[in-house]
Amino acid sequence: MSKISRFTSKVVQLAKNAVGERGEVAAPEGGGGFAEYAVVSLHCLRVYLQKSYREALDLLSEMPQILGEIGLDAADLPDHSTLVKWFDRIKTALWRVLLRLSAQEHEPSGHAAIDATFFDRENASKHYCCRTNYRVQTLKATALVDTESQAILDVHCTTEKRHDTQLGWQVARRNAGDLASLAADKGYDWMDLREKLREEGVRPLIKHREFRPIDHAHNARIDGPRYRQRAMCETVFSTIKRTLGDAVRARTWYGEFRELVLMCVVHNIKETL
């Protein structure tokens, strides 16, 4: 079985679990619509193949075995505009559920790291940017990564200039029940964040900015193998940008967030193959 076939099989399984599939037929029958799990699977394949909507559907039309994994034939494939509309229609909550399920395919270690990176926001033209007041050209993504499996447990996106400490707590709070420790660099140096993590039973491995001798002492104490695994965040970001792209192409803010979550889902699944 080829890698893309294994990927498709895993995607279909997770998509059915995420949408609560009740035995719907993938292709529309009698004027009905596509099953939601089939559309989710097509979007995952689009990101996996690193193709546009048109190119992905054209390529998949030549892959009957891959379409068979979803339950479709080449004649069943929707128009690219239909796939675009479905992407806007599927709620963000579903993509989050899919991300959680894809992370659960990995053996959790309970030890995580958090870090942020930037993705470019592609746009169609300068005219579009002026018409929509599209001024911010980057999307800040904060990811929570399991340091042993390199699975992305959670992700937060923003175009605003919020401080890392605030974003770090927002992401960590959602996942505190599954964590034993959390590693982060000096950008997350905030005593309140450390105290909040301890209250949730999570050991903070966050280095202090060095203003006093005691800060050096604190940093020396936590500078061990567990903290040095924090670099896994950068490894994961590098892998995603190298294999799935370093830009989001959706034209709406919520579409960009969903696209980035989808990239994280694809990364998690690829790491299990």
Protein backbone atom coordinates (compact mmCIF):
# COMPACT_ATOMS: atom_id res chain seq x y z
CA MET A 1 0.00 0.00 0.00
CA SER A 2 1.42 3.39 -1.00
CA LYS A 3 1.97 6.21 1.47
CA ILE A 4 -0.82 8.33 -0.01
CA SER A 5 -3.18 5.38 0.23
CA ARG A 6 -2.32 4.85 3.91
CA PHE A 7 -2.75 8.58 4.49
CA THR A 8 -6.17 8.58 2.83
CA SER A 9 -7.34 5.56 4.79
CA LYS A 10 -6.34 7.21 8.07
CA VAL A 11 -7.92 10.53 7.08
CA VAL A 12 -11.25 8.91 6.21
CA GLN A 13 -11.29 7.03 9.52
CA LEU A 14 -10.59 10.18 11.55
CA ALA A 15 -13.00 12.29 9.50
CA LYS A 16 -15.82 9.81 10.12
CA ASN A 17 -15.09 9.88 13.85
CA ALA A 18 -14.97 13.68 13.87
CA VAL A 19 -18.30 14.21 12.11
CA GLY A 20 -20.07 11.29 13.81
CA GLU A 21 -20.62 9.43 10.52
CA ARG A 22 -23.91 7.52 10.47
CA GLY A 23 -23.43 5.41 7.37
CA GLU A 24 -23.96 8.18 4.81
CA VAL A 25 -22.94 7.49 1.24
CA ALA A 26 -19.95 9.64 0.29
CA ALA A 27 -21.28 10.72 -3.12
CA PRO A 28 -24.58 12.61 -3.48
CA GLU A 29 -27.58 10.49 -4.39
CA GLY A 30 -30.96 11.64 -5.61
CA GLY A 31 -30.06 15.31 -5.45
CA GLY A 32 -28.48 15.05 -2.00
CA GLY A 33 -25.13 16.47 -0.94
CA PHE A 34 -21.74 14.97 -0.26
CA ALA A 35 -21.18 13.28 3.08
CA GLU A 36 -19.29 15.65 5.35
CA TYR A 37 -16.51 13.13 6.02
CA ALA A 38 -15.89 12.87 2.25
CA VAL A 39 -15.48 16.65 1.89
CA VAL A 40 -13.18 16.78 4.95
CA SER A 41 -11.08 13.99 3.44
CA LEU A 42 -10.79 15.84 0.11
CA HIS A 43 -9.57 18.96 1.89
CA CYS A 44 -6.95 16.95 3.79
CA LEU A 45 -5.75 15.45 0.52
CA ARG A 46 -5.60 18.92 -1.05
CA VAL A 47 -3.23 20.07 1.70
CA TYR A 48 -1.27 16.82 1.63
CA LEU A 49 -0.72 17.15 -2.14
CA GLN A 50 0.12 20.87 -1.83
CA LYS A 51 -2.15 21.74 -4.73
CA SER A 52 -4.78 24.36 -5.43
CA TYR A 53 -8.44 23.35 -5.46
CA ARG A 54 -8.48 22.89 -9.23
CA GLU A 55 -5.16 21.05 -9.37
CA ALA A 56 -6.01 18.74 -6.47
CA LEU A 57 -9.32 17.65 -7.98
CA ASP A 58 -7.72 17.18 -11.39
CA LEU A 59 -4.98 15.02 -9.88
CA LEU A 60 -7.41 12.98 -7.77
CA SER A 61 -9.54 12.26 -10.86
CA GLU A 62 -6.58 10.18 -12.06
CA MET A 63 -6.35 8.24 -8.79
CA PRO A 64 -9.30 5.81 -8.68
CA GLN A 65 -7.80 3.78 -5.83
CA ILE A 66 -7.45 6.86 -3.61
CA LEU A 67 -10.98 8.00 -4.40
CA GLY A 68 -12.19 4.48 -3.65
CA GLU A 69 -10.83 4.84 -0.10
CA ILE A 70 -13.22 7.77 0.35
CA GLY A 71 -16.11 6.07 -1.44
CA LEU A 72 -16.04 8.24 -4.55
CA ASP A 73 -15.55 7.78 -8.28
CA ALA A 74 -13.91 10.27 -10.62
CA ALA A 75 -17.38 11.20 -11.92
CA ASP A 76 -18.47 12.04 -8.36
CA LEU A 77 -15.83 14.69 -7.74
CA PRO A 78 -17.34 18.12 -7.10
CA ASP A 79 -16.44 21.30 -8.93
CA HIS A 80 -13.62 23.23 -7.29
CA SER A 81 -16.04 26.06 -6.39
CA THR A 82 -18.19 23.57 -4.45
CA LEU A 83 -15.15 22.49 -2.45
CA VAL A 84 -14.33 26.13 -1.68
CA LYS A 85 -17.87 26.75 -0.41
CA TRP A 86 -17.72 23.62 1.75
CA PHE A 87 -14.50 24.83 3.35
CA ASP A 88 -16.26 28.01 4.45
CA ARG A 89 -19.30 26.05 5.59
CA ILE A 90 -17.54 23.52 7.84
CA LYS A 91 -17.27 25.00 11.33
CA THR A 92 -13.93 25.58 13.04
CA ALA A 93 -15.03 23.31 15.90
CA LEU A 94 -14.95 20.32 13.54
CA TRP A 95 -11.38 21.05 12.46
CA ARG A 96 -10.41 21.32 16.13
CA VAL A 97 -11.99 17.94 16.85
CA LEU A 98 -10.07 16.50 13.91
CA LEU A 99 -6.83 17.98 15.26
CA ARG A 100 -7.43 16.40 18.67
CA LEU A 101 -8.20 13.01 17.11
CA SER A 102 -5.09 13.17 14.92
CA ALA A 103 -2.96 13.98 18.00
CA GLN A 104 -4.45 10.99 19.82
CA GLU A 105 -3.02 8.73 17.11
CA HIS A 106 0.32 9.31 18.84
CA GLU A 107 1.31 7.96 22.24
CA PRO A 108 1.09 10.98 24.59
CA SER A 109 4.10 11.63 26.81
CA GLY A 110 2.54 14.33 28.97
CA HIS A 111 5.53 16.58 28.26
CA ALA A 112 4.98 19.45 25.86
CA ALA A 113 6.62 22.58 24.54
CA ILE A 114 5.09 25.79 23.28
CA ASP A 115 6.41 28.27 20.75
CA ALA A 116 5.22 30.63 18.02
CA THR A 117 6.04 31.20 14.37
CA PHE A 118 4.70 33.30 11.51
CA PHE A 119 3.02 32.22 8.27
CA ASP A 120 2.61 34.53 5.29
CA ARG A 121 -0.89 35.53 4.28
CA GLU A 122 -1.10 35.18 0.51
CA ASN A 123 -3.47 37.48 -1.34
CA ALA A 124 -4.76 37.75 -4.86
CA SER A 125 -3.72 41.33 -5.71
CA LYS A 126 -2.97 44.78 -4.36
CA HIS A 127 -6.48 45.79 -5.42
CA TYR A 128 -7.93 43.07 -3.18
CA CYS A 129 -5.76 44.22 -0.25
CA CYS A 130 -6.93 47.82 -0.62
CA ARG A 131 -10.57 46.86 -1.05
CA THR A 132 -10.65 44.67 2.06
CA ASN A 133 -8.22 46.68 4.21
CA TYR A 134 -5.90 43.66 4.17
CA ARG A 135 -2.87 45.21 5.84
CA VAL A 136 -1.40 42.53 8.12
CA GLN A 137 0.72 40.26 5.94
CA THR A 138 1.58 37.56 8.49
CA LEU A 139 -0.36 35.18 10.71
CA LYS A 140 1.08 34.35 14.12
CA ALA A 141 0.66 30.69 15.07
CA THR A 142 1.29 29.41 18.61
CA ALA A 143 1.56 25.63 18.78
CA LEU A 144 1.61 23.18 21.67
CA VAL A 145 3.77 20.20 20.67
CA ASP A 146 4.33 16.85 22.37
CA THR A 147 8.11 16.72 22.73
CA GLU A 148 8.44 12.96 22.24
CA SER A 149 6.02 12.23 19.38
CA GLN A 150 6.23 15.69 17.74
CA ALA A 151 2.43 15.70 17.47
CA ILE A 152 0.71 19.08 17.52
CA LEU A 153 -1.73 19.03 20.43
CA ASP A 154 -3.22 22.49 19.95
CA VAL A 155 -2.72 25.64 17.91
CA HIS A 156 -3.74 29.27 18.26
CA CYS A 157 -3.70 31.86 15.48
CA THR A 158 -3.88 35.63 15.54
CA THR A 159 -3.09 38.69 13.45
CA GLU A 160 -3.00 40.90 16.56
CA LYS A 161 0.08 41.86 18.57
CA ARG A 162 -0.73 39.87 21.69
CA HIS A 163 2.13 38.91 23.99
CA ASP A 164 3.41 35.34 24.03
CA THR A 165 2.64 34.96 27.74
CA GLN A 166 -1.07 35.64 27.19
CA LEU A 167 -1.30 33.29 24.23
CA GLY A 168 0.74 30.67 26.08
CA TRP A 169 -1.67 30.57 28.99
CA GLN A 170 -4.70 30.43 26.70
CA VAL A 171 -3.31 27.39 24.89
CA ALA A 172 -1.92 25.69 28.02
CA ARG A 173 -5.17 26.11 29.96
CA ARG A 174 -7.13 24.17 27.33
CA ASN A 175 -4.72 21.24 27.63
CA ALA A 176 -3.56 21.41 31.26
CA GLY A 177 -5.29 18.18 32.22
CA ASP A 178 -3.11 16.22 29.79
CA LEU A 179 0.25 17.80 30.67
CA ALA A 180 2.89 16.99 33.28
CA SER A 181 5.34 19.68 32.15
CA LEU A 182 5.47 22.58 29.73
CA ALA A 183 8.71 23.97 28.28
CA ALA A 184 9.04 27.42 26.76
CA ASP A 185 11.71 30.01 26.03
CA LYS A 186 12.24 33.39 27.71
CA GLY A 187 9.48 34.95 25.63
CA TYR A 188 7.02 33.25 28.01
CA ASP A 189 8.77 34.53 31.14
CA TRP A 190 5.86 35.59 33.36
CA MET A 191 5.55 34.64 37.03
CA ASP A 192 1.74 34.53 36.83
CA LEU A 193 2.00 31.99 34.01
CA ARG A 194 4.26 29.77 36.10
CA GLU A 195 1.92 30.00 39.10
CA LYS A 196 -1.15 29.24 37.00
CA LEU A 197 0.55 26.19 35.50
CA ARG A 198 1.52 24.90 38.94
CA GLU A 199 -2.06 25.33 40.13
CA GLU A 200 -3.13 23.08 37.24
CA GLY A 201 -0.54 20.46 38.20
CA VAL A 202 1.80 21.30 35.30
CA ARG A 203 5.53 21.81 35.95
CA PRO A 204 6.66 25.01 34.16
CA LEU A 205 10.03 24.74 32.40
CA ILE A 206 10.26 28.38 31.39
CA LYS A 207 13.57 30.22 31.49
CA HIS A 208 13.86 33.59 33.20
CA ARG A 209 15.13 36.71 31.51
CA GLU A 210 18.48 37.31 33.20
CA PHE A 211 18.50 40.59 35.12
CA ARG A 212 19.83 39.31 38.47
CA PRO A 213 22.18 36.54 39.64
CA ILE A 214 19.18 34.57 40.93
CA ASP A 215 17.78 34.46 37.39
CA HIS A 216 20.96 32.71 36.23
CA ALA A 217 20.56 30.24 39.09
CA HIS A 218 16.93 29.50 38.13
CA ASN A 219 17.89 28.92 34.51
CA ALA A 220 20.76 26.59 35.42
CA ARG A 221 18.35 24.51 37.50
CA ILE A 222 15.87 23.91 34.67
CA ASP A 223 18.41 23.59 31.84
CA GLY A 224 18.13 19.81 31.58
CA PRO A 225 17.19 17.23 28.92
CA ARG A 226 13.47 17.89 29.35
CA TYR A 227 13.84 21.62 28.73
CA ARG A 228 16.14 21.12 25.75
CA GLN A 229 13.35 19.16 24.05
CA ARG A 230 11.69 22.55 23.61
CA ALA A 231 13.47 22.68 20.26
CA MET A 232 10.96 20.12 18.97
CA CYS A 233 8.57 23.04 18.36
CA GLU A 234 11.00 24.57 15.91
CA THR A 235 11.51 21.17 14.27
CA VAL A 236 7.77 20.76 13.77
CA PHE A 237 7.37 24.28 12.34
CA SER A 238 10.27 23.66 9.97
CA THR A 239 8.74 20.37 8.81
CA ILE A 240 5.34 21.94 8.14
CA LYS A 241 6.77 24.87 6.20
CA ARG A 242 9.06 22.62 4.18
CA THR A 243 6.47 19.97 3.31
CA LEU A 244 3.11 21.79 3.41
CA GLY A 245 4.05 25.39 2.70
CA ASP A 246 4.88 28.54 4.66
CA ALA A 247 1.76 30.51 3.70
CA VAL A 248 -2.01 30.34 4.15
CA ARG A 249 -4.08 31.09 1.06
CA ALA A 250 -7.64 31.55 2.33
CA ARG A 251 -8.97 35.09 1.91
CA THR A 252 -10.87 35.33 5.18
CA TRP A 253 -9.47 35.39 8.71
CA TYR A 254 -11.48 32.36 9.83
CA GLY A 255 -10.53 30.55 6.63
CA GLU A 256 -6.83 31.13 7.32
CA PHE A 257 -7.19 29.76 10.83
CA ARG A 258 -9.01 26.67 9.56
CA GLU A 259 -6.38 26.15 6.88
CA LEU A 260 -3.59 26.29 9.46
CA VAL A 261 -5.40 23.81 11.73
CA LEU A 262 -5.82 21.56 8.70
CA MET A 263 -2.08 21.74 8.03
CA CYS A 264 -1.47 20.63 11.63
CA VAL A 265 -3.90 17.72 11.16
CA VAL A 266 -2.09 16.59 8.01
CA HIS A 267 1.26 16.85 9.81
CA ASN A 268 0.02 14.67 12.69
CA ILE A 269 -1.29 12.01 10.35
CA LYS A 270 1.86 11.99 8.21
CA GLU A 271 3.96 11.39 11.34
CA THR A 272 2.07 8.14 12.00
CA LEU A 273 2.67 6.63 8.54
